[in-house]
């Protein structure tokens, strides 16, 4: 745990090879925030993705891209809610 963290992202899934049938290339992503170290953690989103890449390394890269896109969407939404002018 990092007491100062205001944003946390978790990703898990099946990148293969030998993934369970029907789960090959599927990842699950969750994003949570808190305003201060003492504030309660708020789950901001859960998403499921079916990766298109065929190799494990390519799927790792694609999953990392999905994580970064989810963070960017969250930061844009947060900016719109607060009226901040910083562009992530």
C-alpha atoms as a PDB file:
ATOM      1  CA  UNK A   1       0.000   0.000   0.000  1.00  0.00           C
ATOM      2  CA  UNK A   2       1.039   3.563  -0.668  1.00  0.00           C
ATOM      3  CA  UNK A   3      -0.544   5.969   1.809  1.00  0.00           C
ATOM      4  CA  UNK A   4      -0.129   8.960  -0.522  1.00  0.00           C
ATOM      5  CA  UNK A   5      -1.772   7.322  -3.551  1.00  0.00           C
ATOM      6  CA  UNK A   6      -4.932   8.950  -4.835  1.00  0.00           C
ATOM      7  CA  UNK A   7      -5.418   6.618  -7.793  1.00  0.00           C
ATOM      8  CA  UNK A   8      -5.057   2.857  -7.997  1.00  0.00           C
ATOM      9  CA  UNK A   9      -5.473   0.500 -10.921  1.00  0.00           C
ATOM     10  CA  UNK A  10      -5.614  -3.288 -10.866  1.00  0.00           C
ATOM     11  CA  UNK A  11      -5.559  -5.633 -13.826  1.00  0.00           C
ATOM     12  CA  UNK A  12      -5.764  -9.397 -13.994  1.00  0.00           C
ATOM     13  CA  UNK A  13      -6.729 -11.880 -16.623  1.00  0.00           C
ATOM     14  CA  UNK A  14      -5.647 -14.673 -18.909  1.00  0.00           C
ATOM     15  CA  UNK A  15      -2.903 -13.837 -21.369  1.00  0.00           C
ATOM     16  CA  UNK A  16      -2.145 -17.397 -22.403  1.00  0.00           C
ATOM     17  CA  UNK A  17      -0.912 -19.771 -23.374  1.00  0.00           C
ATOM     18  CA  UNK A  18      -3.015 -22.509 -21.812  1.00  0.00           C
ATOM     19  CA  UNK A  19      -5.773 -20.179 -20.618  1.00  0.00           C
ATOM     20  CA  UNK A  20      -9.123 -21.664 -19.613  1.00  0.00           C
ATOM     21  CA  UNK A  21     -11.487 -22.102 -22.546  1.00  0.00           C
ATOM     22  CA  UNK A  22     -13.494 -18.931 -23.138  1.00  0.00           C
ATOM     23  CA  UNK A  23     -11.094 -16.741 -21.135  1.00  0.00           C
ATOM     24  CA  UNK A  24      -8.076 -16.680 -23.428  1.00  0.00           C
ATOM     25  CA  UNK A  25      -7.043 -13.052 -23.931  1.00  0.00           C
ATOM     26  CA  UNK A  26      -9.626 -11.633 -21.511  1.00  0.00           C
ATOM     27  CA  UNK A  27      -8.565  -9.098 -18.879  1.00  0.00           C
ATOM     28  CA  UNK A  28     -10.394  -7.457 -15.997  1.00  0.00           C
ATOM     29  CA  UNK A  29      -9.528  -3.921 -14.919  1.00  0.00           C
ATOM     30  CA  UNK A  30     -10.582  -1.916 -11.842  1.00  0.00           C
ATOM     31  CA  UNK A  31      -9.854   1.705 -10.954  1.00  0.00           C
ATOM     32  CA  UNK A  32     -10.228   3.284  -7.502  1.00  0.00           C
ATOM     33  CA  UNK A  33      -9.566   6.732  -6.055  1.00  0.00           C
ATOM     34  CA  UNK A  34      -9.493   8.628  -2.799  1.00  0.00           C
ATOM     35  CA  UNK A  35      -9.125  12.361  -2.222  1.00  0.00           C
ATOM     36  CA  UNK A  36      -6.797  12.198   0.805  1.00  0.00           C
ATOM     37  CA  UNK A  37      -4.846   9.440   2.582  1.00  0.00           C
ATOM     38  CA  UNK A  38      -7.569   9.248   5.261  1.00  0.00           C
ATOM     39  CA  UNK A  39     -10.501   9.304   2.822  1.00  0.00           C
ATOM     40  CA  UNK A  40     -12.383   6.118   1.985  1.00  0.00           C
ATOM     41  CA  UNK A  41     -11.441   4.369  -1.238  1.00  0.00           C
ATOM     42  CA  UNK A  42     -14.045   4.770  -3.988  1.00  0.00           C
ATOM     43  CA  UNK A  43     -14.332   2.206  -6.786  1.00  0.00           C
ATOM     44  CA  UNK A  44     -14.591   4.244  -9.979  1.00  0.00           C
ATOM     45  CA  UNK A  45     -14.929   1.574 -12.585  1.00  0.00           C
ATOM     46  CA  UNK A  46     -14.650  -2.040 -13.567  1.00  0.00           C
ATOM     47  CA  UNK A  47     -14.116  -3.118 -17.151  1.00  0.00           C
ATOM     48  CA  UNK A  48     -13.609  -6.353 -19.052  1.00  0.00           C
ATOM     49  CA  UNK A  49     -11.616  -6.430 -22.286  1.00  0.00           C
ATOM     50  CA  UNK A  50     -11.043  -9.094 -24.886  1.00  0.00           C
ATOM     51  CA  UNK A  51      -7.544  -8.575 -26.192  1.00  0.00           C
ATOM     52  CA  UNK A  52      -6.908  -8.929 -29.927  1.00  0.00           C
ATOM     53  CA  UNK A  53      -3.206  -9.734 -29.855  1.00  0.00           C
ATOM     54  CA  UNK A  54      -2.180 -13.357 -30.296  1.00  0.00           C
ATOM     55  CA  UNK A  55       1.083 -13.678 -28.351  1.00  0.00           C
ATOM     56  CA  UNK A  56       1.599 -13.302 -24.609  1.00  0.00           C
ATOM     57  CA  UNK A  57       4.011 -10.355 -24.932  1.00  0.00           C
ATOM     58  CA  UNK A  58       1.742  -8.557 -27.393  1.00  0.00           C
ATOM     59  CA  UNK A  59      -1.186  -9.145 -25.035  1.00  0.00           C
ATOM     60  CA  UNK A  60       0.819  -7.706 -22.131  1.00  0.00           C
ATOM     61  CA  UNK A  61       1.454  -4.604 -24.212  1.00  0.00           C
ATOM     62  CA  UNK A  62      -2.185  -4.361 -25.258  1.00  0.00           C
ATOM     63  CA  UNK A  63      -3.326  -4.784 -21.629  1.00  0.00           C
ATOM     64  CA  UNK A  64      -0.942  -2.016 -20.514  1.00  0.00           C
ATOM     65  CA  UNK A  65      -2.444   0.223 -23.204  1.00  0.00           C
ATOM     66  CA  UNK A  66      -5.956  -0.521 -21.920  1.00  0.00           C
ATOM     67  CA  UNK A  67      -4.864   0.398 -18.391  1.00  0.00           C
ATOM     68  CA  UNK A  68      -3.398   3.703 -19.572  1.00  0.00           C
ATOM     69  CA  UNK A  69      -6.516   4.504 -21.603  1.00  0.00           C
ATOM     70  CA  UNK A  70      -8.749   3.795 -18.589  1.00  0.00           C
ATOM     71  CA  UNK A  71      -6.653   6.128 -16.422  1.00  0.00           C
ATOM     72  CA  UNK A  72      -6.768   8.817 -19.104  1.00  0.00           C
ATOM     73  CA  UNK A  73     -10.584   8.523 -19.379  1.00  0.00           C
ATOM     74  CA  UNK A  74     -10.890   8.777 -15.604  1.00  0.00           C
ATOM     75  CA  UNK A  75      -8.651  11.843 -15.419  1.00  0.00           C
ATOM     76  CA  UNK A  76     -10.582  13.560 -18.221  1.00  0.00           C
ATOM     77  CA  UNK A  77     -13.888  12.849 -16.491  1.00  0.00           C
ATOM     78  CA  UNK A  78     -12.511  14.074 -13.176  1.00  0.00           C
ATOM     79  CA  UNK A  79     -11.213  17.231 -14.860  1.00  0.00           C
ATOM     80  CA  UNK A  80     -14.645  17.908 -16.375  1.00  0.00           C
ATOM     81  CA  UNK A  81     -16.309  17.424 -12.983  1.00  0.00           C
ATOM     82  CA  UNK A  82     -13.922  19.790 -11.194  1.00  0.00           C
ATOM     83  CA  UNK A  83     -13.509  22.293 -14.016  1.00  0.00           C
ATOM     84  CA  UNK A  84      -9.724  21.904 -14.024  1.00  0.00           C
ATOM     85  CA  UNK A  85      -7.905  23.084 -17.151  1.00  0.00           C
ATOM     86  CA  UNK A  86      -5.025  20.569 -17.020  1.00  0.00           C
ATOM     87  CA  UNK A  87      -5.049  18.233 -20.020  1.00  0.00           C
ATOM     88  CA  UNK A  88      -3.803  14.724 -19.150  1.00  0.00           C
END
